[in-house]
Amino acid sequence: MATKLFVGSLAYSVTDDQLQEFFASVGTVQSAKVIVDRDSSRSKGFGFVEMSTEEEAQKAVSELNGKELEGRAVTVSEARPQEDRPRGGGGGFGGGGGGGGYNRDNRSNNRY
């Protein structure tokens, strides 16, 4: 069974292929993915790697955590399961607006 690892503190220039090569030194990499922002397509500075066995995953954590990749010391740890987040827009209308009060731009219209 493959074991998923979290990789943090990645340089924004790191690609999926570079991440895979970095982890290949300690075992068989099932997948390597740098997470990117969907709007800007820019790296978010972290990613996930799946190793083919639990032993290789543990070896990756012990040998690669703190090691430098593209000029930055990366953090490697076992990934936690993704938390359930509420779906949907969240919409609603936040606080906002006030109204009333003195408007100095229209003070000539407010004379009595």
PDB file of N, CA and C in Angstrom:
ATOM      1  N   MET A   1       0.843  -1.188   0.000  1.00  0.00           N
ATOM      2  CA  MET A   1       0.000   0.000   0.000  1.00  0.00           C
ATOM      3  C   MET A   1       0.881   1.243   0.000  1.00  0.00           C
ATOM      4  N   ALA A   2       0.556   2.188  -0.839  1.00  0.00           N
ATOM      5  CA  ALA A   2       1.330   3.419  -0.941  1.00  0.00           C
ATOM      6  C   ALA A   2       1.082   4.307   0.274  1.00  0.00           C
ATOM      7  N   THR A   3       2.094   5.061   0.666  1.00  0.00           N
ATOM      8  CA  THR A   3       1.986   5.968   1.797  1.00  0.00           C
ATOM      9  C   THR A   3       2.227   7.386   1.323  1.00  0.00           C
ATOM     10  N   LYS A   4       1.292   8.275   1.661  1.00  0.00           N
ATOM     11  CA  LYS A   4       1.361   9.669   1.203  1.00  0.00           C
ATOM     12  C   LYS A   4       2.147  10.518   2.193  1.00  0.00           C
ATOM     13  N   LEU A   5       3.030  11.340   1.645  1.00  0.00           N
ATOM     14  CA  LEU A   5       3.852  12.239   2.442  1.00  0.00           C
ATOM     15  C   LEU A   5       3.544  13.685   2.074  1.00  0.00           C
ATOM     16  N   PHE A   6       3.614  14.554   3.071  1.00  0.00           N
ATOM     17  CA  PHE A   6       3.488  15.991   2.859  1.00  0.00           C
ATOM     18  C   PHE A   6       4.885  16.566   2.717  1.00  0.00           C
ATOM     19  N   VAL A   7       5.075  17.450   1.744  1.00  0.00           N
ATOM     20  CA  VAL A   7       6.367  18.095   1.537  1.00  0.00           C
ATOM     21  C   VAL A   7       6.139  19.602   1.569  1.00  0.00           C
ATOM     22  N   GLY A   8       6.703  20.267   2.564  1.00  0.00           N
ATOM     23  CA  GLY A   8       6.512  21.703   2.727  1.00  0.00           C
ATOM     24  C   GLY A   8       7.791  22.482   2.489  1.00  0.00           C
ATOM     25  N   SER A   9       7.652  23.801   2.471  1.00  0.00           N
ATOM     26  CA  SER A   9       8.775  24.738   2.270  1.00  0.00           C
ATOM     27  C   SER A   9       9.441  24.553   0.917  1.00  0.00           C
ATOM     28  N   LEU A  10       8.649  24.185  -0.092  1.00  0.00           N
ATOM     29  CA  LEU A  10       9.203  24.033  -1.441  1.00  0.00           C
ATOM     30  C   LEU A  10       9.450  25.398  -2.078  1.00  0.00           C
ATOM     31  N   ALA A  11      10.523  25.501  -2.834  1.00  0.00           N
ATOM     32  CA  ALA A  11      10.742  26.695  -3.648  1.00  0.00           C
ATOM     33  C   ALA A  11       9.633  26.741  -4.694  1.00  0.00           C
ATOM     34  N   TYR A  12       9.180  27.934  -5.039  1.00  0.00           N
ATOM     35  CA  TYR A  12       8.085  28.073  -6.000  1.00  0.00           C
ATOM     36  C   TYR A  12       8.447  27.535  -7.379  1.00  0.00           C
ATOM     37  N   SER A  13       9.733  27.369  -7.649  1.00  0.00           N
ATOM     38  CA  SER A  13      10.172  26.899  -8.967  1.00  0.00           C
ATOM     39  C   SER A  13      10.159  25.373  -9.096  1.00  0.00           C
ATOM     40  N   VAL A  14       9.966  24.642  -7.997  1.00  0.00           N
ATOM     41  CA  VAL A  14      10.026  23.173  -8.027  1.00  0.00           C
ATOM     42  C   VAL A  14       8.845  22.612  -8.824  1.00  0.00           C
ATOM     43  N   THR A  15       9.151  21.642  -9.703  1.00  0.00           N
ATOM     44  CA  THR A  15       8.122  21.005 -10.530  1.00  0.00           C
ATOM     45  C   THR A  15       7.807  19.606  -9.992  1.00  0.00           C
ATOM     46  N   ASP A  16       6.744  19.012 -10.519  1.00  0.00           N
ATOM     47  CA  ASP A  16       6.389  17.637 -10.147  1.00  0.00           C
ATOM     48  C   ASP A  16       7.556  16.689 -10.426  1.00  0.00           C
ATOM     49  N   ASP A  17       8.184  16.840 -11.593  1.00  0.00           N
ATOM     50  CA  ASP A  17       9.292  15.964 -11.976  1.00  0.00           C
ATOM     51  C   ASP A  17      10.480  16.102 -11.028  1.00  0.00           C
ATOM     52  N   GLN A  18      10.811  17.322 -10.632  1.00  0.00           N
ATOM     53  CA  GLN A  18      11.922  17.529  -9.695  1.00  0.00           C
ATOM     54  C   GLN A  18      11.610  16.899  -8.342  1.00  0.00           C
ATOM     55  N   LEU A  19      10.358  17.023  -7.919  1.00  0.00           N
ATOM     56  CA  LEU A  19       9.948  16.430  -6.655  1.00  0.00           C
ATOM     57  C   LEU A  19      10.070  14.911  -6.712  1.00  0.00           C
ATOM     58  N   GLN A  20       9.664  14.341  -7.832  1.00  0.00           N
ATOM     59  CA  GLN A  20       9.758  12.884  -8.001  1.00  0.00           C
ATOM     60  C   GLN A  20      11.218  12.430  -7.984  1.00  0.00           C
ATOM     61  N   GLU A  21      12.083  13.141  -8.688  1.00  0.00           N
ATOM     62  CA  GLU A  21      13.510  12.790  -8.715  1.00  0.00           C
ATOM     63  C   GLU A  21      14.130  12.877  -7.323  1.00  0.00           C
ATOM     64  N   PHE A  22      13.750  13.884  -6.562  1.00  0.00           N
ATOM     65  CA  PHE A  22      14.277  14.096  -5.219  1.00  0.00           C
ATOM     66  C   PHE A  22      13.953  12.900  -4.325  1.00  0.00           C
ATOM     67  N   PHE A  23      12.734  12.382  -4.420  1.00  0.00           N
ATOM     68  CA  PHE A  23      12.313  11.261  -3.576  1.00  0.00           C
ATOM     69  C   PHE A  23      12.747   9.910  -4.126  1.00  0.00           C
ATOM     70  N   ALA A  24      13.058   9.829  -5.408  1.00  0.00           N
ATOM     71  CA  ALA A  24      13.469   8.560  -6.017  1.00  0.00           C
ATOM     72  C   ALA A  24      14.770   8.038  -5.414  1.00  0.00           C
ATOM     73  N   SER A  25      15.545   8.912  -4.797  1.00  0.00           N
ATOM     74  CA  SER A  25      16.808   8.477  -4.197  1.00  0.00           C
ATOM     75  C   SER A  25      16.596   7.555  -2.988  1.00  0.00           C
ATOM     76  N   VAL A  26      15.377   7.548  -2.415  1.00  0.00           N
ATOM     77  CA  VAL A  26      15.123   6.708  -1.243  1.00  0.00           C
ATOM     78  C   VAL A  26      14.143   5.575  -1.506  1.00  0.00           C
ATOM     79  N   GLY A  27      13.583   5.504  -2.715  1.00  0.00           N
ATOM     80  CA  GLY A  27      12.649   4.419  -3.006  1.00  0.00           C
ATOM     81  C   GLY A  27      11.808   4.682  -4.238  1.00  0.00           C
ATOM     82  N   THR A  28      10.792   3.844  -4.422  1.00  0.00           N
ATOM     83  CA  THR A  28       9.919   3.942  -5.588  1.00  0.00           C
ATOM     84  C   THR A  28       8.814   4.954  -5.325  1.00  0.00           C
ATOM     85  N   VAL A  29       8.745   5.954  -6.189  1.00  0.00           N
ATOM     86  CA  VAL A  29       7.744   7.007  -6.054  1.00  0.00           C
ATOM     87  C   VAL A  29       6.533   6.644  -6.919  1.00  0.00           C
ATOM     88  N   GLN A  30       5.367   6.534  -6.281  1.00  0.00           N
ATOM     89  CA  GLN A  30       4.137   6.246  -7.014  1.00  0.00           C
ATOM     90  C   GLN A  30       3.610   7.509  -7.689  1.00  0.00           C
ATOM     91  N   SER A  31       3.670   8.644  -6.984  1.00  0.00           N
ATOM     92  CA  SER A  31       3.232   9.922  -7.561  1.00  0.00           C
ATOM     93  C   SER A  31       3.884  11.064  -6.800  1.00  0.00           C
ATOM     94  N   ALA A  32       4.036  12.187  -7.476  1.00  0.00           N
ATOM     95  CA  ALA A  32       4.583  13.400  -6.875  1.00  0.00           C
ATOM     96  C   ALA A  32       3.839  14.582  -7.469  1.00  0.00           C
ATOM     97  N   LYS A  33       3.274  15.425  -6.607  1.00  0.00           N
ATOM     98  CA  LYS A  33       2.453  16.529  -7.083  1.00  0.00           C
ATOM     99  C   LYS A  33       2.726  17.787  -6.273  1.00  0.00           C
ATOM    100  N   VAL A  34       3.142  18.854  -6.975  1.00  0.00           N
ATOM    101  CA  VAL A  34       3.280  20.167  -6.360  1.00  0.00           C
ATOM    102  C   VAL A  34       1.906  20.834  -6.462  1.00  0.00           C
ATOM    103  N   ILE A  35       1.408  21.365  -5.373  1.00  0.00           N
ATOM    104  CA  ILE A  35       0.091  21.989  -5.356  1.00  0.00           C
ATOM    105  C   ILE A  35       0.208  23.417  -5.878  1.00  0.00           C
ATOM    106  N   VAL A  36      -0.665  23.743  -6.837  1.00  0.00           N
ATOM    107  CA  VAL A  36      -0.646  25.075  -7.450  1.00  0.00           C
ATOM    108  C   VAL A  36      -1.976  25.782  -7.213  1.00  0.00           C
ATOM    109  N   ASP A  37      -1.919  27.092  -7.178  1.00  0.00           N
ATOM    110  CA  ASP A  37      -3.110  27.913  -7.041  1.00  0.00           C
ATOM    111  C   ASP A  37      -3.915  27.832  -8.334  1.00  0.00           C
ATOM    112  N   ARG A  38      -5.205  27.554  -8.230  1.00  0.00           N
ATOM    113  CA  ARG A  38      -5.995  27.361  -9.449  1.00  0.00           C
ATOM    114  C   ARG A  38      -6.215  28.644 -10.231  1.00  0.00           C
ATOM    115  N   ASP A  39      -6.133  29.796  -9.581  1.00  0.00           N
ATOM    116  CA  ASP A  39      -6.329  31.058 -10.295  1.00  0.00           C
ATOM    117  C   ASP A  39      -5.062  31.547 -10.981  1.00  0.00           C
ATOM    118  N   SER A  40      -3.927  31.470 -10.270  1.00  0.00           N
ATOM    119  CA  SER A  40      -2.687  32.022 -10.819  1.00  0.00           C
ATOM    120  C   SER A  40      -1.768  30.959 -11.412  1.00  0.00           C
ATOM    121  N   SER A  41      -2.055  29.677 -11.176  1.00  0.00           N
ATOM    122  CA  SER A  41      -1.209  28.557 -11.611  1.00  0.00           C
ATOM    123  C   SER A  41       0.196  28.623 -11.013  1.00  0.00           C
ATOM    124  N   ARG A  42       0.355  29.337  -9.914  1.00  0.00           N
ATOM    125  CA  ARG A  42       1.646  29.444  -9.228  1.00  0.00           C
ATOM    126  C   ARG A  42       1.684  28.442  -8.077  1.00  0.00           C
ATOM    127  N   SER A  43       2.849  27.869  -7.846  1.00  0.00           N
ATOM    128  CA  SER A  43       3.022  26.908  -6.759  1.00  0.00           C
ATOM    129  C   SER A  43       2.622  27.527  -5.425  1.00  0.00           C
ATOM    130  N   LYS A  44       2.022  26.716  -4.565  1.00  0.00           N
ATOM    131  CA  LYS A  44       1.686  27.176  -3.219  1.00  0.00           C
ATOM    132  C   LYS A  44       2.812  26.873  -2.234  1.00  0.00           C
ATOM    133  N   GLY A  45       3.896  26.252  -2.702  1.00  0.00           N
ATOM    134  CA  GLY A  45       5.044  26.004  -1.832  1.00  0.00           C
ATOM    135  C   GLY A  45       4.979  24.696  -1.067  1.00  0.00           C
ATOM    136  N   PHE A  46       4.043  23.819  -1.448  1.00  0.00           N
ATOM    137  CA  PHE A  46       3.998  22.507  -0.823  1.00  0.00           C
ATOM    138  C   PHE A  46       3.486  21.489  -1.819  1.00  0.00           C
ATOM    139  N   GLY A  47       3.628  20.220  -1.466  1.00  0.00           N
ATOM    140  CA  GLY A  47       3.177  19.163  -2.359  1.00  0.00           C
ATOM    141  C   GLY A  47       3.010  17.853  -1.613  1.00  0.00           C
ATOM    142  N   PHE A  48       2.686  16.806  -2.372  1.00  0.00           N
ATOM    143  CA  PHE A  48       2.484  15.482  -1.805  1.00  0.00           C
ATOM    144  C   PHE A  48       3.211  14.456  -2.654  1.00  0.00           C
ATOM    145  N   VAL A  49       3.766  13.466  -1.977  1.00  0.00           N
ATOM    146  CA  VAL A  49       4.474  12.378  -2.643  1.00  0.00           C
ATOM    147  C   VAL A  49       3.938  11.075  -2.085  1.00  0.00           C
ATOM    148  N   GLU A  50       3.677  10.111  -2.973  1.00  0.00           N
ATOM    149  CA  GLU A  50       3.275   8.777  -2.542  1.00  0.00           C
ATOM    150  C   GLU A  50       4.419   7.818  -2.810  1.00  0.00           C
ATOM    151  N   MET A  51       4.873   7.162  -1.752  1.00  0.00           N
ATOM    152  CA  MET A  51       5.917   6.146  -1.868  1.00  0.00           C
ATOM    153  C   MET A  51       5.228   4.787  -1.944  1.00  0.00           C
ATOM    154  N   SER A  52       5.906   3.795  -2.543  1.00  0.00           N
ATOM    155  CA  SER A  52       5.256   2.502  -2.775  1.00  0.00           C
ATOM    156  C   SER A  52       5.081   1.656  -1.512  1.00  0.00           C
ATOM    157  N   THR A  53       5.927   1.870  -0.497  1.00  0.00           N
ATOM    158  CA  THR A  53       5.783   1.085   0.741  1.00  0.00           C
ATOM    159  C   THR A  53       5.920   1.993   1.960  1.00  0.00           C
ATOM    160  N   GLU A  54       5.429   1.491   3.071  1.00  0.00           N
ATOM    161  CA  GLU A  54       5.541   2.204   4.347  1.00  0.00           C
ATOM    162  C   GLU A  54       7.015   2.394   4.729  1.00  0.00           C
ATOM    163  N   GLU A  55       7.837   1.373   4.468  1.00  0.00           N
ATOM    164  CA  GLU A  55       9.263   1.457   4.807  1.00  0.00           C
ATOM    165  C   GLU A  55       9.956   2.570   4.018  1.00  0.00           C
ATOM    166  N   GLU A  56       9.645   2.654   2.723  1.00  0.00           N
ATOM    167  CA  GLU A  56      10.245   3.710   1.905  1.00  0.00           C
ATOM    168  C   GLU A  56       9.769   5.093   2.355  1.00  0.00           C
ATOM    169  N   ALA A  57       8.511   5.174   2.761  1.00  0.00           N
ATOM    170  CA  ALA A  57       7.982   6.451   3.247  1.00  0.00           C
ATOM    171  C   ALA A  57       8.716   6.882   4.515  1.00  0.00           C
ATOM    172  N   GLN A  58       8.928   5.948   5.441  1.00  0.00           N
ATOM    173  CA  GLN A  58       9.652   6.263   6.677  1.00  0.00           C
ATOM    174  C   GLN A  58      11.098   6.657   6.378  1.00  0.00           C
ATOM    175  N   LYS A  59      11.697   5.975   5.414  1.00  0.00           N
ATOM    176  CA  LYS A  59      13.070   6.300   5.006  1.00  0.00           C
ATOM    177  C   LYS A  59      13.120   7.706   4.413  1.00  0.00           C
ATOM    178  N   ALA A  60      12.120   8.057   3.618  1.00  0.00           N
ATOM    179  CA  ALA A  60      12.066   9.394   3.018  1.00  0.00           C
ATOM    180  C   ALA A  60      11.962  10.470   4.097  1.00  0.00           C
ATOM    181  N   VAL A  61      11.124  10.233   5.098  1.00  0.00           N
ATOM    182  CA  VAL A  61      10.982  11.207   6.181  1.00  0.00           C
ATOM    183  C   VAL A  61      12.304  11.374   6.916  1.00  0.00           C
ATOM    184  N   SER A  62      12.942  10.266   7.266  1.00  0.00           N
ATOM    185  CA  SER A  62      14.176  10.353   8.052  1.00  0.00           C
ATOM    186  C   SER A  62      15.350  10.912   7.253  1.00  0.00           C
ATOM    187  N   GLU A  63      15.420  10.608   5.962  1.00  0.00           N
ATOM    188  CA  GLU A  63      16.584  11.043   5.178  1.00  0.00           C
ATOM    189  C   GLU A  63      16.396  12.371   4.451  1.00  0.00           C
ATOM    190  N   LEU A  64      15.162  12.729   4.106  1.00  0.00           N
ATOM    191  CA  LEU A  64      14.964  13.923   3.277  1.00  0.00           C
ATOM    192  C   LEU A  64      14.439  15.132   4.045  1.00  0.00           C
ATOM    193  N   ASN A  65      13.891  14.927   5.236  1.00  0.00           N
ATOM    194  CA  ASN A  65      13.395  16.053   6.017  1.00  0.00           C
ATOM    195  C   ASN A  65      14.561  16.971   6.377  1.00  0.00           C
ATOM    196  N   GLY A  66      14.459  18.237   5.996  1.00  0.00           N
ATOM    197  CA  GLY A  66      15.527  19.205   6.253  1.00  0.00           C
ATOM    198  C   GLY A  66      16.568  19.286   5.157  1.00  0.00           C
ATOM    199  N   LYS A  67      16.496  18.380   4.186  1.00  0.00           N
ATOM    200  CA  LYS A  67      17.454  18.387   3.078  1.00  0.00           C
ATOM    201  C   LYS A  67      17.086  19.490   2.081  1.00  0.00           C
ATOM    202  N   GLU A  68      18.087  19.999   1.409  1.00  0.00           N
ATOM    203  CA  GLU A  68      17.878  21.120   0.501  1.00  0.00           C
ATOM    204  C   GLU A  68      17.451  20.676  -0.899  1.00  0.00           C
ATOM    205  N   LEU A  69      16.431  21.364  -1.420  1.00  0.00           N
ATOM    206  CA  LEU A  69      15.952  21.168  -2.792  1.00  0.00           C
ATOM    207  C   LEU A  69      15.740  22.536  -3.399  1.00  0.00           C
ATOM    208  N   GLU A  70      16.437  22.827  -4.471  1.00  0.00           N
ATOM    209  CA  GLU A  70      16.354  24.135  -5.142  1.00  0.00           C
ATOM    210  C   GLU A  70      16.616  25.284  -4.163  1.00  0.00           C
ATOM    211  N   GLY A  71      17.610  25.091  -3.291  1.00  0.00           N
ATOM    212  CA  GLY A  71      18.031  26.160  -2.395  1.00  0.00           C
ATOM    213  C   GLY A  71      17.215  26.314  -1.123  1.00  0.00           C
ATOM    214  N   ARG A  72      16.263  25.428  -0.867  1.00  0.00           N
ATOM    215  CA  ARG A  72      15.448  25.526   0.347  1.00  0.00           C
ATOM    216  C   ARG A  72      15.427  24.196   1.090  1.00  0.00           C
ATOM    217  N   ALA A  73      15.491  24.264   2.406  1.00  0.00           N
ATOM    218  CA  ALA A  73      15.383  23.062   3.234  1.00  0.00           C
ATOM    219  C   ALA A  73      13.906  22.685   3.310  1.00  0.00           C
ATOM    220  N   VAL A  74      13.566  21.518   2.806  1.00  0.00           N
ATOM    221  CA  VAL A  74      12.163  21.096   2.766  1.00  0.00           C
ATOM    222  C   VAL A  74      11.792  20.339   4.035  1.00  0.00           C
ATOM    223  N   THR A  75      10.498  20.352   4.359  1.00  0.00           N
ATOM    224  CA  THR A  75       9.990  19.553   5.458  1.00  0.00           C
ATOM    225  C   THR A  75       9.238  18.370   4.877  1.00  0.00           C
ATOM    226  N   VAL A  76       9.491  17.196   5.419  1.00  0.00           N
ATOM    227  CA  VAL A  76       8.838  15.980   4.936  1.00  0.00           C
ATOM    228  C   VAL A  76       8.212  15.285   6.134  1.00  0.00           C
ATOM    229  N   SER A  77       6.928  14.997   6.025  1.00  0.00           N
ATOM    230  CA  SER A  77       6.230  14.302   7.098  1.00  0.00           C
ATOM    231  C   SER A  77       5.099  13.471   6.511  1.00  0.00           C
ATOM    232  N   GLU A  78       4.582  12.548   7.309  1.00  0.00           N
ATOM    233  CA  GLU A  78       3.456  11.755   6.838  1.00  0.00           C
ATOM    234  C   GLU A  78       2.246  12.671   6.703  1.00  0.00           C
ATOM    235  N   ALA A  79       1.543  12.549   5.589  1.00  0.00           N
ATOM    236  CA  ALA A  79       0.385  13.409   5.335  1.00  0.00           C
ATOM    237  C   ALA A  79      -0.778  12.990   6.219  1.00  0.00           C
ATOM    238  N   ARG A  80      -1.494  13.978   6.725  1.00  0.00           N
ATOM    239  CA  ARG A  80      -2.713  13.712   7.489  1.00  0.00           C
ATOM    240  C   ARG A  80      -3.873  13.605   6.517  1.00  0.00           C
ATOM    241  N   PRO A  81      -4.910  12.867   6.879  1.00  0.00           N
ATOM    242  CA  PRO A  81      -6.085  12.789   5.996  1.00  0.00           C
ATOM    243  C   PRO A  81      -6.699  14.171   5.810  1.00  0.00           C
ATOM    244  N   GLN A  82      -7.227  14.428   4.630  1.00  0.00           N
ATOM    245  CA  GLN A  82      -7.842  15.713   4.335  1.00  0.00           C
ATOM    246  C   GLN A  82      -9.101  15.877   5.179  1.00  0.00           C
ATOM    247  N   GLU A  83      -9.221  17.036   5.794  1.00  0.00           N
ATOM    248  CA  GLU A  83     -10.390  17.301   6.630  1.00  0.00           C
ATOM    249  C   GLU A  83     -11.582  17.637   5.756  1.00  0.00           C
ATOM    250  N   ASP A  84     -12.757  17.237   6.211  1.00  0.00           N
ATOM    251  CA  ASP A  84     -13.978  17.608   5.492  1.00  0.00           C
ATOM    252  C   ASP A  84     -14.216  19.096   5.680  1.00  0.00           C
ATOM    253  N   ARG A  85     -14.439  19.771   4.572  1.00  0.00           N
ATOM    254  CA  ARG A  85     -14.747  21.189   4.624  1.00  0.00           C
ATOM    255  C   ARG A  85     -16.144  21.388   4.073  1.00  0.00           C
ATOM    256  N   PRO A  86     -16.860  22.363   4.596  1.00  0.00           N
ATOM    257  CA  PRO A  86     -18.196  22.605   4.064  1.00  0.00           C
ATOM    258  C   PRO A  86     -18.121  22.991   2.593  1.00  0.00           C
ATOM    259  N   ARG A  87     -19.026  22.465   1.835  1.00  0.00           N
ATOM    260  CA  ARG A  87     -19.089  22.772   0.411  1.00  0.00           C
ATOM    261  C   ARG A  87     -19.928  24.010   0.184  1.00  0.00           C
ATOM    262  N   GLY A  88     -19.744  24.611  -0.950  1.00  0.00           N
ATOM    263  CA  GLY A  88     -20.633  25.693  -1.341  1.00  0.00           C
ATOM    264  C   GLY A  88     -20.046  27.054  -1.099  1.00  0.00           C
ATOM    265  N   GLY A  89     -20.831  28.012  -1.469  1.00  0.00           N
ATOM    266  CA  GLY A  89     -20.373  29.384  -1.551  1.00  0.00           C
ATOM    267  C   GLY A  89     -20.138  30.103  -0.262  1.00  0.00           C
ATOM    268  N   GLY A  90     -20.782  29.830   0.765  1.00  0.00           N
ATOM    269  CA  GLY A  90     -20.579  30.633   1.943  1.00  0.00           C
ATOM    270  C   GLY A  90     -21.241  31.983   1.800  1.00  0.00           C
ATOM    271  N   GLY A  91     -21.587  32.359   0.626  1.00  0.00           N
ATOM    272  CA  GLY A  91     -22.291  33.587   0.259  1.00  0.00           C
ATOM    273  C   GLY A  91     -22.628  34.499   1.403  1.00  0.00           C
ATOM    274  N   GLY A  92     -23.852  34.827   1.518  1.00  0.00           N
ATOM    275  CA  GLY A  92     -24.298  35.715   2.578  1.00  0.00           C
ATOM    276  C   GLY A  92     -23.817  37.125   2.356  1.00  0.00           C
ATOM    277  N   PHE A  93     -24.347  37.981   3.118  1.00  0.00           N
ATOM    278  CA  PHE A  93     -23.959  39.375   3.021  1.00  0.00           C
ATOM    279  C   PHE A  93     -23.341  39.770   4.337  1.00  0.00           C
ATOM    280  N   GLY A  94     -22.084  40.074   4.294  1.00  0.00           N
ATOM    281  CA  GLY A  94     -21.385  40.450   5.504  1.00  0.00           C
ATOM    282  C   GLY A  94     -21.812  41.822   5.956  1.00  0.00           C
ATOM    283  N   GLY A  95     -21.418  42.209   7.065  1.00  0.00           N
ATOM    284  CA  GLY A  95     -21.712  43.496   7.673  1.00  0.00           C
ATOM    285  C   GLY A  95     -21.841  44.593   6.657  1.00  0.00           C
ATOM    286  N   GLY A  96     -21.265  45.492   6.625  1.00  0.00           N
ATOM    287  CA  GLY A  96     -21.262  46.401   5.530  1.00  0.00           C
ATOM    288  C   GLY A  96     -22.011  47.652   5.824  1.00  0.00           C
ATOM    289  N   GLY A  97     -22.062  48.337   5.039  1.00  0.00           N
ATOM    290  CA  GLY A  97     -22.590  49.594   4.846  1.00  0.00           C
ATOM    291  C   GLY A  97     -23.042  50.456   5.891  1.00  0.00           C
ATOM    292  N   GLY A  98     -23.133  51.231   6.297  1.00  0.00           N
ATOM    293  CA  GLY A  98     -23.638  52.162   7.247  1.00  0.00           C
ATOM    294  C   GLY A  98     -24.640  53.043   6.626  1.00  0.00           C
ATOM    295  N   GLY A  99     -24.413  54.097   6.314  1.00  0.00           N
ATOM    296  CA  GLY A  99     -25.419  54.995   5.789  1.00  0.00           C
ATOM    297  C   GLY A  99     -25.506  56.175   6.727  1.00  0.00           C
ATOM    298  N   GLY A 100     -26.253  57.139   6.316  1.00  0.00           N
ATOM    299  CA  GLY A 100     -26.426  58.319   7.147  1.00  0.00           C
ATOM    300  C   GLY A 100     -25.104  59.022   7.378  1.00  0.00           C
ATOM    301  N   GLY A 101     -25.093  59.869   8.333  1.00  0.00           N
ATOM    302  CA  GLY A 101     -23.860  60.566   8.661  1.00  0.00           C
ATOM    303  C   GLY A 101     -23.664  61.796   7.801  1.00  0.00           C
ATOM    304  N   TYR A 102     -22.646  62.514   8.071  1.00  0.00           N
ATOM    305  CA  TYR A 102     -22.344  63.750   7.377  1.00  0.00           C
ATOM    306  C   TYR A 102     -21.512  63.458   6.147  1.00  0.00           C
ATOM    307  N   ASN A 103     -21.913  63.939   5.012  1.00  0.00           N
ATOM    308  CA  ASN A 103     -21.168  63.749   3.776  1.00  0.00           C
ATOM    309  C   ASN A 103     -20.661  65.105   3.329  1.00  0.00           C
ATOM    310  N   ARG A 104     -19.388  65.344   3.519  1.00  0.00           N
ATOM    311  CA  ARG A 104     -18.865  66.670   3.227  1.00  0.00           C
ATOM    312  C   ARG A 104     -18.929  67.014   1.749  1.00  0.00           C
ATOM    313  N   ASP A 105     -18.985  66.004   0.871  1.00  0.00           N
ATOM    314  CA  ASP A 105     -19.055  66.288  -0.560  1.00  0.00           C
ATOM    315  C   ASP A 105     -20.418  66.828  -0.959  1.00  0.00           C
ATOM    316  N   ASN A 106     -21.428  66.521  -0.216  1.00  0.00           N
ATOM    317  CA  ASN A 106     -22.769  66.997  -0.538  1.00  0.00           C
ATOM    318  C   ASN A 106     -23.297  67.976   0.501  1.00  0.00           C
ATOM    319  N   ARG A 107     -22.406  68.670   1.181  1.00  0.00           N
ATOM    320  CA  ARG A 107     -22.858  69.544   2.254  1.00  0.00           C
ATOM    321  C   ARG A 107     -23.732  70.688   1.778  1.00  0.00           C
ATOM    322  N   SER A 108     -23.563  71.110   0.522  1.00  0.00           N
ATOM    323  CA  SER A 108     -24.408  72.190   0.038  1.00  0.00           C
ATOM    324  C   SER A 108     -25.850  71.742  -0.108  1.00  0.00           C
ATOM    325  N   ASN A 109     -26.084  70.428  -0.279  1.00  0.00           N
ATOM    326  CA  ASN A 109     -27.441  69.914  -0.403  1.00  0.00           C
ATOM    327  C   ASN A 109     -28.089  69.680   0.954  1.00  0.00           C
ATOM    328  N   ASN A 110     -27.308  69.758   2.027  1.00  0.00           N
ATOM    329  CA  ASN A 110     -27.817  69.445   3.360  1.00  0.00           C
ATOM    330  C   ASN A 110     -28.101  70.690   4.184  1.00  0.00           C
ATOM    331  N   ARG A 111     -28.249  71.854   3.582  1.00  0.00           N
ATOM    332  CA  ARG A 111     -28.494  73.090   4.340  1.00  0.00           C
ATOM    333  C   ARG A 111     -29.950  73.170   4.741  1.00  0.00           C
ATOM    334  N   TYR A 112     -30.164  73.757   5.886  1.00  0.00           N
ATOM    335  CA  TYR A 112     -31.538  73.932   6.377  1.00  0.00           C
ATOM    336  C   TYR A 112     -31.971  75.341   6.307  1.00  0.00           C
TER     337      TYR A 112
END
